[in-house]
Amino acid sequence: MADAGYQRIATEEAFAPPELMALWRNMLETGTDLDPGFVSLVGFYARHGSERARAVSERLQDLGERRLADMDAAGIGRQIVSLTAPGTQVLDADQAVPMATLANDRLAEACRRHPDRLTGLTAIAPQDPAAAAEEIARGAGLGFKGVIINSHTHGEYLDNQKFWPILEAAEALDTPIYLHPTAPPRTMIEPLVEAGLDGAIYGFAVETGMHLLRMITAGVFDRFPRLRVVVGHLGEALPFWLYRLDYMHAASVRSGRYEAMRPIARTPSEYLRENVWVTTSGMAWPPAIMFCREVLGGDRVLYAMDYPYQYVPDEVSVQDDLPLDETAKKAFFQTNAERVFGL
């Protein structure tokens, strides 16, 4: 696998410092009225006794030899590493800001130890937008190549103008935002969690796709036209809705049905093709990958694994066998990521 003619750069790969895992466990043990999405997601990976929960938890906390060995076994040359969901965003601001700093310091140390294998994204605490903007600048100084935001923060989204200092900082530094899923907020999770559908099987995509769509329809990309956003799981289903998004958005604006649905400069599909990149994390399915390449453009689709949540080395081979010529395959695995993340 090492002789493929391209480097496999995996672009949505997670970690969690032990200090954050310990804080999460303490919240689960002592907290009251906890967010149900946090309880479902972190409660499983931090406390459940299953083999899957233990393996994921251990791998999340390893930024050294075990991670590198897993990469070697799967033929992965480099990981773009980011703080796992829900990151700091389930915390209060007074805990979230220093925890983001700690997480970034831990990740920066690992990237310095393994500069040819690991590249970091900056974790922030959106609860304090000014501090988050400063941390984005500090992360750039640490050598990080983007910003990780694990979707909503206490049920609030980046279309809310109070978060726009974060977007302004990312645009000014020309650093992409990776918009990663987390469990849906309490206002939408109940029918999902009661059916076991709140996580990666479906709820993540519903919540994060909605987040990105809110940003588009609220005019975020009109205000920040150079803002770049990367989303996983082949765009959280939005590429498959392009036609209907454009049609129904235009119809809603014409009708004046919603106060929030105002005219924007372009169609939703145009923003998705011009401001957004998608990765294949957890979606090693050639028909879907090829469809996204067709409707978004080959330069908009990047390889990702979703380590350690979906560590399946055979899925790498599936994507090695995509019906692409060698130039397109190298772009898919390597040069698209190099361009987007400035590697």
Protein backbone atom coordinates (compact mmCIF):
# COMPACT_ATOMS: atom_id res chain seq x y z
CA MET A 1 0.00 0.00 0.00
CA ALA A 2 2.96 2.34 0.57
CA ASP A 3 3.81 2.19 -3.16
CA ALA A 4 0.52 3.61 -4.43
CA GLY A 5 2.09 6.67 -6.01
CA TYR A 6 0.38 9.08 -3.63
CA GLN A 7 0.33 9.80 0.07
CA ARG A 8 -2.93 9.00 1.83
CA ILE A 9 -3.84 12.00 3.99
CA ALA A 10 -6.72 11.24 6.34
CA THR A 11 -8.48 14.50 7.10
CA GLU A 12 -11.01 13.79 9.90
CA GLU A 13 -9.12 11.98 12.62
CA ALA A 14 -9.94 12.51 16.30
CA PHE A 15 -8.17 12.76 19.63
CA ALA A 16 -9.02 13.69 23.21
CA PRO A 17 -6.52 14.61 25.92
CA PRO A 18 -6.82 12.50 29.10
CA GLU A 19 -7.64 15.64 31.08
CA LEU A 20 -10.75 16.23 29.01
CA MET A 21 -11.83 12.60 29.25
CA ALA A 22 -11.46 12.84 33.03
CA LEU A 23 -13.50 16.04 33.14
CA TRP A 24 -16.25 14.44 31.05
CA ARG A 25 -16.37 11.41 33.35
CA ASN A 26 -16.63 13.65 36.38
CA MET A 27 -19.51 15.51 34.76
CA LEU A 28 -21.30 12.24 34.11
CA GLU A 29 -20.79 11.09 37.70
CA THR A 30 -21.66 14.31 39.50
CA GLY A 31 -23.67 16.46 37.12
CA THR A 32 -27.39 17.10 37.09
CA ASP A 33 -29.63 18.06 34.19
CA LEU A 34 -26.89 17.12 31.74
CA ASP A 35 -27.41 17.58 28.02
CA PRO A 36 -28.94 14.30 26.78
CA GLY A 37 -26.72 14.26 23.70
CA PHE A 38 -23.64 14.49 25.89
CA VAL A 39 -24.91 11.68 28.08
CA SER A 40 -25.60 9.48 25.07
CA LEU A 41 -22.35 10.17 23.21
CA VAL A 42 -19.74 10.63 25.91
CA GLY A 43 -21.50 8.32 28.35
CA PHE A 44 -20.93 5.46 25.92
CA TYR A 45 -17.32 6.08 24.97
CA ALA A 46 -16.15 7.22 28.41
CA ARG A 47 -17.90 4.68 30.62
CA HIS A 48 -19.38 1.78 28.69
CA GLY A 49 -17.70 -1.59 29.17
CA SER A 50 -17.97 -2.81 25.58
CA GLU A 51 -14.91 -3.64 23.51
CA ARG A 52 -15.77 -0.89 21.03
CA ALA A 53 -16.07 1.79 23.70
CA ARG A 54 -12.77 0.80 25.32
CA ALA A 55 -10.88 0.61 22.04
CA VAL A 56 -12.12 4.00 20.84
CA SER A 57 -11.45 5.65 24.21
CA GLU A 58 -7.90 4.32 24.35
CA ARG A 59 -7.10 5.30 20.78
CA LEU A 60 -8.54 8.80 21.23
CA GLN A 61 -6.02 9.49 23.97
CA ASP A 62 -3.00 8.14 22.08
CA LEU A 63 -1.04 10.56 19.92
CA GLY A 64 2.00 8.32 19.70
CA GLU A 65 3.03 4.81 18.84
CA ARG A 66 -0.37 3.12 18.79
CA ARG A 67 -1.83 5.75 16.48
CA LEU A 68 1.19 5.61 14.18
CA ALA A 69 1.05 1.80 14.10
CA ASP A 70 -2.63 1.95 13.13
CA MET A 71 -1.80 4.43 10.39
CA ASP A 72 0.97 2.21 9.08
CA ALA A 73 -1.29 -0.85 9.09
CA ALA A 74 -3.84 1.02 6.98
CA GLY A 75 -1.35 2.76 4.68
CA ILE A 76 -2.11 6.25 6.01
CA GLY A 77 0.77 8.66 5.55
CA ARG A 78 -0.59 11.64 7.48
CA GLN A 79 -3.52 12.41 9.76
CA ILE A 80 -5.21 15.78 10.12
CA VAL A 81 -6.00 15.51 13.82
CA SER A 82 -8.70 17.41 15.68
CA LEU A 83 -10.37 17.45 19.07
CA THR A 84 -13.21 14.95 19.17
CA ALA A 85 -16.85 15.83 19.73
CA PRO A 86 -18.25 17.39 21.81
CA GLY A 87 -14.87 18.95 22.52
CA THR A 88 -15.04 21.93 24.83
CA GLN A 89 -18.45 22.96 23.56
CA VAL A 90 -20.46 21.13 26.21
CA LEU A 91 -18.63 23.01 28.99
CA ASP A 92 -19.23 26.39 30.56
CA ALA A 93 -17.01 29.15 29.20
CA ASP A 94 -14.79 29.32 32.29
CA GLN A 95 -13.87 25.64 31.80
CA ALA A 96 -14.00 25.59 28.02
CA VAL A 97 -11.42 28.28 27.28
CA PRO A 98 -8.54 26.77 29.30
CA MET A 99 -9.45 23.27 28.12
CA ALA A 100 -9.16 24.37 24.50
CA THR A 101 -5.74 25.80 25.29
CA LEU A 102 -4.66 22.57 26.97
CA ALA A 103 -5.93 20.43 24.10
CA ASN A 104 -4.06 22.56 21.58
CA ASP A 105 -0.86 22.40 23.58
CA ARG A 106 -1.08 18.59 23.80
CA LEU A 107 -1.73 18.27 20.08
CA ALA A 108 1.05 20.70 19.19
CA GLU A 109 3.51 18.60 21.21
CA ALA A 110 2.51 15.49 19.27
CA CYS A 111 2.80 17.28 15.94
CA ARG A 112 6.30 18.44 16.87
CA ARG A 113 7.26 14.86 17.74
CA HIS A 114 5.86 13.51 14.48
CA PRO A 115 5.94 16.39 11.98
CA ASP A 116 5.77 14.11 8.95
CA ARG A 117 2.75 12.15 10.22
CA LEU A 118 0.47 14.45 12.24
CA THR A 119 -1.04 17.86 11.48
CA GLY A 120 -3.36 19.62 13.91
CA LEU A 121 -6.51 21.71 13.79
CA THR A 122 -7.12 24.36 16.44
CA ALA A 123 -9.74 23.62 19.09
CA ILE A 124 -11.69 26.61 20.37
CA ALA A 125 -14.36 27.49 22.93
CA PRO A 126 -17.11 29.26 20.94
CA GLN A 127 -18.76 30.13 24.27
CA ASP A 128 -16.27 33.04 24.37
CA PRO A 129 -16.02 34.25 20.76
CA ALA A 130 -13.29 36.81 21.46
CA ALA A 131 -11.10 34.23 23.21
CA ALA A 132 -11.85 31.76 20.43
CA ALA A 133 -10.66 34.24 17.80
CA GLU A 134 -7.44 34.75 19.76
CA GLU A 135 -6.96 30.98 20.03
CA ILE A 136 -7.34 30.62 16.26
CA ALA A 137 -4.44 33.04 15.83
CA ARG A 138 -2.41 31.21 18.50
CA GLY A 139 -3.13 27.89 16.82
CA ALA A 140 -1.82 29.22 13.53
CA GLY A 141 1.35 30.14 15.38
CA LEU A 142 1.56 26.57 16.68
CA GLY A 143 1.53 25.34 13.09
CA PHE A 144 -2.09 24.19 12.97
CA LYS A 145 -3.77 24.24 9.57
CA GLY A 146 -7.43 24.81 10.37
CA VAL A 147 -10.06 25.11 13.10
CA ILE A 148 -12.28 22.36 14.48
CA ILE A 149 -15.81 23.23 15.56
CA ASN A 150 -17.93 20.35 16.79
CA SER A 151 -21.19 21.79 15.48
CA HIS A 152 -23.59 23.44 17.95
CA THR A 153 -22.55 25.06 21.21
CA HIS A 154 -25.30 24.63 23.80
CA GLY A 155 -27.82 24.50 20.96
CA GLU A 156 -26.55 27.64 19.20
CA TYR A 157 -25.16 27.77 15.67
CA LEU A 158 -22.59 29.78 13.74
CA ASP A 159 -25.26 31.74 11.86
CA ASN A 160 -25.78 33.59 15.18
CA GLN A 161 -23.87 36.84 14.77
CA LYS A 162 -22.40 36.60 18.24
CA PHE A 163 -20.09 33.89 16.81
CA TRP A 164 -19.01 35.92 13.82
CA PRO A 165 -15.69 37.05 15.39
CA ILE A 166 -14.71 33.38 15.01
CA LEU A 167 -15.58 33.39 11.33
CA GLU A 168 -13.85 36.74 10.83
CA ALA A 169 -10.65 35.37 12.37
CA ALA A 170 -10.76 32.22 10.25
CA GLU A 171 -11.32 34.20 7.06
CA ALA A 172 -8.59 36.72 7.91
CA LEU A 173 -6.06 33.94 8.48
CA ASP A 174 -7.34 31.97 5.46
CA THR A 175 -7.71 28.93 7.67
CA PRO A 176 -10.52 26.44 6.97
CA ILE A 177 -13.13 25.52 9.56
CA TYR A 178 -13.84 21.83 9.88
CA LEU A 179 -17.49 21.59 10.92
CA HIS A 180 -17.70 18.24 12.68
CA PRO A 181 -20.84 16.55 14.03
CA THR A 182 -21.89 16.24 17.62
CA ALA A 183 -25.05 14.88 19.19
CA PRO A 184 -28.18 16.93 18.43
CA PRO A 185 -29.18 19.48 21.08
CA ARG A 186 -31.92 18.75 23.56
CA THR A 187 -34.43 20.66 21.42
CA MET A 188 -34.21 18.05 18.63
CA ILE A 189 -32.70 14.87 20.08
CA GLU A 190 -35.65 13.14 21.78
CA PRO A 191 -37.21 11.23 18.84
CA LEU A 192 -33.72 10.31 17.63
CA VAL A 193 -32.30 9.04 20.91
CA GLU A 194 -35.41 7.03 21.78
CA ALA A 195 -34.87 5.09 18.54
CA GLY A 196 -31.08 4.83 18.90
CA LEU A 197 -30.59 7.13 15.92
CA ASP A 198 -28.96 10.16 17.57
CA GLY A 199 -25.35 9.29 16.75
CA ALA A 200 -23.31 8.61 13.63
CA ILE A 201 -25.98 6.35 12.15
CA TYR A 202 -28.19 9.37 11.34
CA GLY A 203 -28.51 12.09 14.00
CA PHE A 204 -25.04 13.52 13.45
CA ALA A 205 -25.73 14.13 9.76
CA VAL A 206 -29.16 15.64 10.42
CA GLU A 207 -27.77 18.08 12.98
CA THR A 208 -24.57 19.08 11.19
CA GLY A 209 -26.13 19.29 7.74
CA MET A 210 -28.71 21.62 9.24
CA HIS A 211 -25.92 23.69 10.82
CA LEU A 212 -24.19 24.21 7.50
CA LEU A 213 -27.48 24.95 5.75
CA ARG A 214 -28.35 27.54 8.41
CA MET A 215 -25.04 29.26 7.69
CA ILE A 216 -25.78 29.33 3.97
CA THR A 217 -29.36 30.60 4.16
CA ALA A 218 -28.47 33.18 6.84
CA GLY A 219 -25.98 34.82 4.46
CA VAL A 220 -22.83 33.87 6.36
CA PHE A 221 -20.91 33.35 3.10
CA ASP A 222 -22.12 36.67 1.74
CA ARG A 223 -20.64 38.34 4.81
CA PHE A 224 -17.49 36.17 4.72
CA PRO A 225 -17.04 35.29 1.04
CA ARG A 226 -13.55 33.83 1.49
CA LEU A 227 -14.56 31.61 4.42
CA ARG A 228 -13.79 27.95 3.75
CA VAL A 229 -15.68 25.13 5.47
CA VAL A 230 -14.89 21.42 5.39
CA VAL A 231 -17.55 18.89 6.37
CA GLY A 232 -17.26 15.13 6.69
CA HIS A 233 -19.38 12.14 5.78
CA LEU A 234 -19.71 13.34 2.18
CA GLY A 235 -21.25 16.65 3.15
CA GLU A 236 -23.71 15.36 5.76
CA ALA A 237 -26.15 14.43 2.93
CA LEU A 238 -26.47 17.96 1.52
CA PRO A 239 -24.93 17.13 -1.89
CA PHE A 240 -27.80 14.71 -2.50
CA TRP A 241 -30.32 17.54 -1.91
CA LEU A 242 -28.79 20.23 -4.13
CA TYR A 243 -31.65 20.48 -6.60
CA ARG A 244 -34.37 20.59 -3.95
CA LEU A 245 -32.41 23.00 -1.75
CA ASP A 246 -32.18 25.50 -4.58
CA TYR A 247 -35.81 25.12 -5.61
CA MET A 248 -37.36 25.30 -2.14
CA HIS A 249 -35.06 28.08 -0.94
CA ALA A 250 -36.07 30.27 -3.89
CA ALA A 251 -39.74 29.41 -3.36
CA SER A 252 -39.55 30.24 0.36
CA VAL A 253 -37.85 33.58 -0.28
CA ARG A 254 -40.45 34.53 -2.89
CA SER A 255 -43.33 33.62 -0.62
CA GLY A 256 -42.03 35.53 2.40
CA ARG A 257 -43.06 32.60 4.52
CA TYR A 258 -40.22 32.84 7.05
CA GLU A 259 -38.72 35.94 8.61
CA ALA A 260 -35.34 34.20 8.71
CA MET A 261 -35.41 33.19 5.04
CA ARG A 262 -34.17 36.29 3.24
CA PRO A 263 -32.57 36.69 -0.20
CA ILE A 264 -28.92 35.71 -0.51
CA ALA A 265 -26.52 36.48 -3.32
CA ARG A 266 -26.32 32.99 -4.79
CA THR A 267 -28.13 29.67 -4.68
CA PRO A 268 -27.42 27.25 -1.84
CA SER A 269 -25.75 24.85 -4.28
CA GLU A 270 -23.36 27.56 -5.43
CA TYR A 271 -22.11 28.14 -1.89
CA LEU A 272 -21.70 24.39 -1.45
CA ARG A 273 -19.59 24.27 -4.61
CA GLU A 274 -17.51 27.37 -3.85
CA ASN A 275 -17.08 27.65 -0.05
CA VAL A 276 -17.37 24.02 1.04
CA TRP A 277 -15.24 20.88 0.74
CA VAL A 278 -16.41 17.42 1.77
CA THR A 279 -14.50 14.41 3.06
CA THR A 280 -15.28 10.71 2.86
CA SER A 281 -15.03 10.03 6.60
CA GLY A 282 -17.07 6.95 7.43
CA MET A 283 -18.46 6.81 3.87
CA ALA A 284 -16.27 4.37 1.95
CA TRP A 285 -18.98 3.76 -0.62
CA PRO A 286 -17.87 4.33 -4.22
CA PRO A 287 -21.29 5.28 -5.70
CA ALA A 288 -21.73 8.07 -3.15
CA ILE A 289 -18.14 9.27 -3.49
CA MET A 290 -18.38 9.41 -7.26
CA PHE A 291 -21.72 11.22 -7.08
CA CYS A 292 -20.23 13.92 -4.84
CA ARG A 293 -17.31 14.30 -7.21
CA GLU A 294 -19.77 14.72 -10.08
CA VAL A 295 -22.01 17.35 -8.47
CA LEU A 296 -19.41 19.27 -6.42
CA GLY A 297 -16.24 18.77 -8.47
CA GLY A 298 -13.30 16.44 -8.06
CA ASP A 299 -11.28 19.13 -6.32
CA ARG A 300 -13.94 19.38 -3.57
CA VAL A 301 -13.81 15.79 -2.29
CA LEU A 302 -11.06 14.68 0.10
CA TYR A 303 -10.22 11.34 1.68
CA ALA A 304 -10.81 10.79 5.41
CA MET A 305 -11.07 7.72 7.62
CA ASP A 306 -12.86 8.88 10.82
CA TYR A 307 -10.26 7.37 13.13
CA PRO A 308 -10.68 5.88 15.68
CA TYR A 309 -14.46 5.65 15.43
CA GLN A 310 -14.37 3.82 12.10
CA TYR A 311 -10.92 2.27 11.89
CA VAL A 312 -11.41 -0.22 9.05
CA PRO A 313 -8.20 -0.63 7.00
CA ASP A 314 -10.08 -2.50 4.27
CA GLU A 315 -12.01 0.70 3.55
CA VAL A 316 -8.74 2.26 2.39
CA SER A 317 -8.43 -0.41 -0.28
CA VAL A 318 -12.02 0.24 -1.36
CA GLN A 319 -11.13 3.87 -2.04
CA ASP A 320 -7.82 2.93 -3.67
CA ASP A 321 -9.95 1.07 -6.20
CA LEU A 322 -12.18 4.02 -7.12
CA PRO A 323 -12.60 4.34 -10.91
CA LEU A 324 -10.24 7.31 -11.18
CA ASP A 325 -7.09 7.87 -13.20
CA GLU A 326 -3.84 8.27 -11.33
CA THR A 327 -3.91 12.07 -11.36
CA ALA A 328 -7.45 12.20 -9.98
CA LYS A 329 -6.69 9.55 -7.38
CA LYS A 330 -3.63 11.44 -6.15
CA ALA A 331 -5.76 14.57 -5.85
CA PHE A 332 -8.42 12.66 -3.91
CA PHE A 333 -5.97 11.18 -1.41
CA GLN A 334 -3.26 13.84 -1.26
CA THR A 335 -3.16 17.06 -3.22
CA ASN A 336 -6.71 18.27 -2.50
CA ALA A 337 -5.89 18.06 1.21
CA GLU A 338 -2.54 19.76 0.70
CA ARG A 339 -4.25 22.63 -1.04
CA VAL A 340 -7.20 23.03 1.35
CA PHE A 341 -5.14 22.77 4.53
CA GLY A 342 -2.02 24.46 3.22
CA LEU A 343 0.28 21.52 3.91
